[in-house]
Amino acid sequence: MKGLKRNLLGILILCVPILLIGAEFEVKVIKSAADLPEQFNTLWKEGDVLVSDGKNLVLFGGTD
């Protein structure tokens, strides 16, 4: 069982960088409403961070 876990971990370590090569992320620091998609217009503050992978959007609060 330990050998199987070690082999699976090794395969995972080798595959993750290969999968991440194709991943493209866009990171923006929000300065105005023009930097945001419409659905986030009421949630943002200047200095927040918007991360997008083309399919999903995540808004991180970067302000106090």
PDB file of N, CA and C in Angstrom:
ATOM      1  N   MET A   1       0.819  -1.197   0.000  1.00  0.00           N
ATOM      2  CA  MET A   1       0.000   0.000   0.000  1.00  0.00           C
ATOM      3  C   MET A   1       0.863   1.261   0.000  1.00  0.00           C
ATOM      4  N   LYS A   2       1.974   1.245   0.757  1.00  0.00           N
ATOM      5  CA  LYS A   2       2.851   2.417   0.785  1.00  0.00           C
ATOM      6  C   LYS A   2       3.457   2.671  -0.587  1.00  0.00           C
ATOM      7  N   GLY A   3       3.803   1.592  -1.287  1.00  0.00           N
ATOM      8  CA  GLY A   3       4.381   1.739  -2.621  1.00  0.00           C
ATOM      9  C   GLY A   3       3.391   2.351  -3.591  1.00  0.00           C
ATOM     10  N   LEU A   4       2.119   1.955  -3.493  1.00  0.00           N
ATOM     11  CA  LEU A   4       1.084   2.496  -4.364  1.00  0.00           C
ATOM     12  C   LEU A   4       0.888   3.986  -4.100  1.00  0.00           C
ATOM     13  N   LYS A   5       0.840   4.370  -2.827  1.00  0.00           N
ATOM     14  CA  LYS A   5       0.676   5.784  -2.484  1.00  0.00           C
ATOM     15  C   LYS A   5       1.855   6.606  -2.991  1.00  0.00           C
ATOM     16  N   ARG A   6       3.058   6.066  -2.852  1.00  0.00           N
ATOM     17  CA  ARG A   6       4.247   6.782  -3.309  1.00  0.00           C
ATOM     18  C   ARG A   6       4.234   6.925  -4.828  1.00  0.00           C
ATOM     19  N   ASN A   7       3.819   5.862  -5.537  1.00  0.00           N
ATOM     20  CA  ASN A   7       3.740   5.924  -6.998  1.00  0.00           C
ATOM     21  C   ASN A   7       2.691   6.930  -7.459  1.00  0.00           C
ATOM     22  N   LEU A   8       1.531   6.928  -6.806  1.00  0.00           N
ATOM     23  CA  LEU A   8       0.484   7.884  -7.167  1.00  0.00           C
ATOM     24  C   LEU A   8       0.926   9.320  -6.892  1.00  0.00           C
ATOM     25  N   LEU A   9       1.628   9.521  -5.788  1.00  0.00           N
ATOM     26  CA  LEU A   9       2.143  10.854  -5.474  1.00  0.00           C
ATOM     27  C   LEU A   9       3.153  11.295  -6.532  1.00  0.00           C
ATOM     28  N   GLY A  10       4.014  10.387  -6.947  1.00  0.00           N
ATOM     29  CA  GLY A  10       4.989  10.702  -7.990  1.00  0.00           C
ATOM     30  C   GLY A  10       4.320  11.068  -9.301  1.00  0.00           C
ATOM     31  N   ILE A  11       3.292  10.327  -9.679  1.00  0.00           N
ATOM     32  CA  ILE A  11       2.551  10.627 -10.907  1.00  0.00           C
ATOM     33  C   ILE A  11       1.880  11.989 -10.793  1.00  0.00           C
ATOM     34  N   LEU A  12       1.291  12.270  -9.641  1.00  0.00           N
ATOM     35  CA  LEU A  12       0.642  13.561  -9.421  1.00  0.00           C
ATOM     36  C   LEU A  12       1.646  14.705  -9.524  1.00  0.00           C
ATOM     37  N   ILE A  13       2.810  14.534  -8.913  1.00  0.00           N
ATOM     38  CA  ILE A  13       3.843  15.576  -8.956  1.00  0.00           C
ATOM     39  C   ILE A  13       4.300  15.826 -10.387  1.00  0.00           C
ATOM     40  N   LEU A  14       4.360  14.784 -11.198  1.00  0.00           N
ATOM     41  CA  LEU A  14       4.773  14.943 -12.592  1.00  0.00           C
ATOM     42  C   LEU A  14       3.677  15.553 -13.461  1.00  0.00           C
ATOM     43  N   CYS A  15       2.414  15.253 -13.167  1.00  0.00           N
ATOM     44  CA  CYS A  15       1.307  15.694 -14.022  1.00  0.00           C
ATOM     45  C   CYS A  15       0.830  17.113 -13.735  1.00  0.00           C
ATOM     46  N   VAL A  16       0.883  17.554 -12.506  1.00  0.00           N
ATOM     47  CA  VAL A  16       0.352  18.872 -12.151  1.00  0.00           C
ATOM     48  C   VAL A  16       1.032  19.996 -12.930  1.00  0.00           C
ATOM     49  N   PRO A  17       2.366  20.048 -13.022  1.00  0.00           N
ATOM     50  CA  PRO A  17       2.964  21.134 -13.822  1.00  0.00           C
ATOM     51  C   PRO A  17       2.560  21.085 -15.290  1.00  0.00           C
ATOM     52  N   ILE A  18       2.392  19.899 -15.835  1.00  0.00           N
ATOM     53  CA  ILE A  18       1.974  19.767 -17.232  1.00  0.00           C
ATOM     54  C   ILE A  18       0.569  20.327 -17.417  1.00  0.00           C
ATOM     55  N   LEU A  19      -0.323  20.054 -16.473  1.00  0.00           N
ATOM     56  CA  LEU A  19      -1.691  20.562 -16.560  1.00  0.00           C
ATOM     57  C   LEU A  19      -1.748  22.076 -16.371  1.00  0.00           C
ATOM     58  N   LEU A  20      -0.866  22.612 -15.541  1.00  0.00           N
ATOM     59  CA  LEU A  20      -0.885  24.050 -15.268  1.00  0.00           C
ATOM     60  C   LEU A  20      -0.262  24.874 -16.385  1.00  0.00           C
ATOM     61  N   ILE A  21       0.510  24.242 -17.258  1.00  0.00           N
ATOM     62  CA  ILE A  21       1.109  24.978 -18.369  1.00  0.00           C
ATOM     63  C   ILE A  21       0.022  25.588 -19.248  1.00  0.00           C
ATOM     64  N   GLY A  22      -1.054  24.853 -19.477  1.00  0.00           N
ATOM     65  CA  GLY A  22      -2.136  25.339 -20.324  1.00  0.00           C
ATOM     66  C   GLY A  22      -3.079  26.296 -19.634  1.00  0.00           C
ATOM     67  N   ALA A  23      -2.971  26.424 -18.329  1.00  0.00           N
ATOM     68  CA  ALA A  23      -3.879  27.299 -17.588  1.00  0.00           C
ATOM     69  C   ALA A  23      -3.438  28.751 -17.735  1.00  0.00           C
ATOM     70  N   GLU A  24      -4.365  29.596 -18.115  1.00  0.00           N
ATOM     71  CA  GLU A  24      -4.083  31.022 -18.233  1.00  0.00           C
ATOM     72  C   GLU A  24      -4.961  31.771 -17.243  1.00  0.00           C
ATOM     73  N   PHE A  25      -4.334  32.546 -16.394  1.00  0.00           N
ATOM     74  CA  PHE A  25      -5.053  33.328 -15.412  1.00  0.00           C
ATOM     75  C   PHE A  25      -4.827  34.802 -15.683  1.00  0.00           C
ATOM     76  N   GLU A  26      -5.869  35.571 -15.490  1.00  0.00           N
ATOM     77  CA  GLU A  26      -5.773  37.023 -15.613  1.00  0.00           C
ATOM     78  C   GLU A  26      -6.022  37.604 -14.230  1.00  0.00           C
ATOM     79  N   VAL A  27      -5.113  38.433 -13.769  1.00  0.00           N
ATOM     80  CA  VAL A  27      -5.231  39.060 -12.457  1.00  0.00           C
ATOM     81  C   VAL A  27      -5.249  40.568 -12.664  1.00  0.00           C
ATOM     82  N   LYS A  28      -6.281  41.231 -12.124  1.00  0.00           N
ATOM     83  CA  LYS A  28      -6.416  42.686 -12.255  1.00  0.00           C
ATOM     84  C   LYS A  28      -6.626  43.302 -10.883  1.00  0.00           C
ATOM     85  N   VAL A  29      -5.995  44.432 -10.649  1.00  0.00           N
ATOM     86  CA  VAL A  29      -6.300  45.243  -9.471  1.00  0.00           C
ATOM     87  C   VAL A  29      -7.354  46.245  -9.916  1.00  0.00           C
ATOM     88  N   ILE A  30      -8.467  46.273  -9.216  1.00  0.00           N
ATOM     89  CA  ILE A  30      -9.612  47.083  -9.606  1.00  0.00           C
ATOM     90  C   ILE A  30      -9.366  48.548  -9.256  1.00  0.00           C
ATOM     91  N   LYS A  31      -9.488  49.397 -10.272  1.00  0.00           N
ATOM     92  CA  LYS A  31      -9.333  50.842 -10.072  1.00  0.00           C
ATOM     93  C   LYS A  31     -10.622  51.594 -10.343  1.00  0.00           C
ATOM     94  N   SER A  32     -11.489  51.019 -11.201  1.00  0.00           N
ATOM     95  CA  SER A  32     -12.767  51.664 -11.510  1.00  0.00           C
ATOM     96  C   SER A  32     -13.768  50.594 -11.930  1.00  0.00           C
ATOM     97  N   ALA A  33     -15.028  50.977 -12.069  1.00  0.00           N
ATOM     98  CA  ALA A  33     -16.077  50.031 -12.467  1.00  0.00           C
ATOM     99  C   ALA A  33     -15.841  49.480 -13.868  1.00  0.00           C
ATOM    100  N   ALA A  34     -15.083  50.181 -14.688  1.00  0.00           N
ATOM    101  CA  ALA A  34     -14.798  49.713 -16.049  1.00  0.00           C
ATOM    102  C   ALA A  34     -13.917  48.462 -16.052  1.00  0.00           C
ATOM    103  N   ASP A  35     -13.215  48.189 -14.957  1.00  0.00           N
ATOM    104  CA  ASP A  35     -12.351  47.010 -14.860  1.00  0.00           C
ATOM    105  C   ASP A  35     -13.119  45.738 -14.522  1.00  0.00           C
ATOM    106  N   LEU A  36     -14.417  45.856 -14.250  1.00  0.00           N
ATOM    107  CA  LEU A  36     -15.207  44.722 -13.764  1.00  0.00           C
ATOM    108  C   LEU A  36     -16.273  44.288 -14.750  1.00  0.00           C
ATOM    109  N   PRO A  37     -16.596  42.983 -14.729  1.00  0.00           N
ATOM    110  CA  PRO A  37     -17.801  42.542 -15.428  1.00  0.00           C
ATOM    111  C   PRO A  37     -19.028  43.078 -14.686  1.00  0.00           C
ATOM    112  N   GLU A  38     -20.135  43.177 -15.361  1.00  0.00           N
ATOM    113  CA  GLU A  38     -21.326  43.820 -14.793  1.00  0.00           C
ATOM    114  C   GLU A  38     -21.810  43.169 -13.499  1.00  0.00           C
ATOM    115  N   GLN A  39     -21.740  41.836 -13.378  1.00  0.00           N
ATOM    116  CA  GLN A  39     -22.304  41.181 -12.197  1.00  0.00           C
ATOM    117  C   GLN A  39     -21.561  41.524 -10.903  1.00  0.00           C
ATOM    118  N   PHE A  40     -20.355  42.093 -10.980  1.00  0.00           N
ATOM    119  CA  PHE A  40     -19.610  42.454  -9.781  1.00  0.00           C
ATOM    120  C   PHE A  40     -19.700  43.942  -9.454  1.00  0.00           C
ATOM    121  N   ASN A  41     -20.441  44.706 -10.204  1.00  0.00           N
ATOM    122  CA  ASN A  41     -20.428  46.156 -10.038  1.00  0.00           C
ATOM    123  C   ASN A  41     -20.827  46.639  -8.653  1.00  0.00           C
ATOM    124  N   THR A  42     -21.625  45.904  -7.910  1.00  0.00           N
ATOM    125  CA  THR A  42     -22.047  46.377  -6.590  1.00  0.00           C
ATOM    126  C   THR A  42     -21.149  45.871  -5.468  1.00  0.00           C
ATOM    127  N   LEU A  43     -20.239  44.957  -5.746  1.00  0.00           N
ATOM    128  CA  LEU A  43     -19.451  44.320  -4.697  1.00  0.00           C
ATOM    129  C   LEU A  43     -18.044  44.881  -4.524  1.00  0.00           C
ATOM    130  N   TRP A  44     -17.549  45.623  -5.462  1.00  0.00           N
ATOM    131  CA  TRP A  44     -16.137  45.979  -5.487  1.00  0.00           C
ATOM    132  C   TRP A  44     -15.831  47.260  -4.730  1.00  0.00           C
ATOM    133  N   LYS A  45     -14.554  47.384  -4.365  1.00  0.00           N
ATOM    134  CA  LYS A  45     -13.983  48.626  -3.856  1.00  0.00           C
ATOM    135  C   LYS A  45     -12.638  48.799  -4.544  1.00  0.00           C
ATOM    136  N   GLU A  46     -12.180  50.016  -4.669  1.00  0.00           N
ATOM    137  CA  GLU A  46     -10.885  50.264  -5.303  1.00  0.00           C
ATOM    138  C   GLU A  46      -9.780  49.536  -4.539  1.00  0.00           C
ATOM    139  N   GLY A  47      -8.931  48.819  -5.255  1.00  0.00           N
ATOM    140  CA  GLY A  47      -7.845  48.061  -4.643  1.00  0.00           C
ATOM    141  C   GLY A  47      -8.140  46.579  -4.524  1.00  0.00           C
ATOM    142  N   ASP A  48      -9.385  46.154  -4.785  1.00  0.00           N
ATOM    143  CA  ASP A  48      -9.716  44.731  -4.783  1.00  0.00           C
ATOM    144  C   ASP A  48      -9.052  44.046  -5.972  1.00  0.00           C
ATOM    145  N   VAL A  49      -8.955  42.724  -5.913  1.00  0.00           N
ATOM    146  CA  VAL A  49      -8.281  41.951  -6.955  1.00  0.00           C
ATOM    147  C   VAL A  49      -9.286  41.025  -7.616  1.00  0.00           C
ATOM    148  N   LEU A  50      -9.322  41.046  -8.949  1.00  0.00           N
ATOM    149  CA  LEU A  50     -10.187  40.171  -9.734  1.00  0.00           C
ATOM    150  C   LEU A  50      -9.313  39.151 -10.448  1.00  0.00           C
ATOM    151  N   VAL A  51      -9.594  37.853 -10.239  1.00  0.00           N
ATOM    152  CA  VAL A  51      -8.855  36.766 -10.885  1.00  0.00           C
ATOM    153  C   VAL A  51      -9.824  36.030 -11.792  1.00  0.00           C
ATOM    154  N   SER A  52      -9.404  35.803 -13.044  1.00  0.00           N
ATOM    155  CA  SER A  52     -10.247  35.125 -14.024  1.00  0.00           C
ATOM    156  C   SER A  52      -9.431  34.087 -14.770  1.00  0.00           C
ATOM    157  N   ASP A  53     -10.041  32.925 -15.015  1.00  0.00           N
ATOM    158  CA  ASP A  53      -9.395  31.911 -15.852  1.00  0.00           C
ATOM    159  C   ASP A  53     -10.139  31.741 -17.168  1.00  0.00           C
ATOM    160  N   GLY A  54     -11.007  32.673 -17.499  1.00  0.00           N
ATOM    161  CA  GLY A  54     -11.786  32.598 -18.724  1.00  0.00           C
ATOM    162  C   GLY A  54     -13.148  31.968 -18.510  1.00  0.00           C
ATOM    163  N   LYS A  55     -13.288  31.191 -17.449  1.00  0.00           N
ATOM    164  CA  LYS A  55     -14.563  30.553 -17.151  1.00  0.00           C
ATOM    165  C   LYS A  55     -15.103  31.011 -15.795  1.00  0.00           C
ATOM    166  N   ASN A  56     -14.235  31.141 -14.815  1.00  0.00           N
ATOM    167  CA  ASN A  56     -14.630  31.513 -13.463  1.00  0.00           C
ATOM    168  C   ASN A  56     -14.015  32.851 -13.087  1.00  0.00           C
ATOM    169  N   LEU A  57     -14.732  33.600 -12.261  1.00  0.00           N
ATOM    170  CA  LEU A  57     -14.246  34.878 -11.747  1.00  0.00           C
ATOM    171  C   LEU A  57     -14.212  34.820 -10.225  1.00  0.00           C
ATOM    172  N   VAL A  58     -13.145  35.368  -9.635  1.00  0.00           N
ATOM    173  CA  VAL A  58     -13.037  35.444  -8.179  1.00  0.00           C
ATOM    174  C   VAL A  58     -12.649  36.872  -7.828  1.00  0.00           C
ATOM    175  N   LEU A  59     -13.373  37.471  -6.901  1.00  0.00           N
ATOM    176  CA  LEU A  59     -13.090  38.828  -6.444  1.00  0.00           C
ATOM    177  C   LEU A  59     -12.558  38.745  -5.021  1.00  0.00           C
ATOM    178  N   PHE A  60     -11.300  39.180  -4.827  1.00  0.00           N
ATOM    179  CA  PHE A  60     -10.679  39.187  -3.509  1.00  0.00           C
ATOM    180  C   PHE A  60     -10.706  40.605  -2.976  1.00  0.00           C
ATOM    181  N   GLY A  61     -11.132  40.747  -1.735  1.00  0.00           N
ATOM    182  CA  GLY A  61     -11.122  42.062  -1.111  1.00  0.00           C
ATOM    183  C   GLY A  61      -9.706  42.442  -0.729  1.00  0.00           C
ATOM    184  N   GLY A  62      -9.197  43.479  -1.330  1.00  0.00           N
ATOM    185  CA  GLY A  62      -7.847  43.930  -1.030  1.00  0.00           C
ATOM    186  C   GLY A  62      -7.831  45.236  -0.275  1.00  0.00           C
ATOM    187  N   THR A  63      -8.998  45.655   0.190  1.00  0.00           N
ATOM    188  CA  THR A  63      -9.103  46.925   0.904  1.00  0.00           C
ATOM    189  C   THR A  63      -9.483  46.668   2.350  1.00  0.00           C
ATOM    190  N   ASP A  64      -9.282  47.674   3.178  1.00  0.00           N
ATOM    191  CA  ASP A  64      -9.643  47.554   4.605  1.00  0.00           C
ATOM    192  C   ASP A  64     -11.094  47.864   4.820  1.00  0.00           C
TER     193      ASP A  64
END
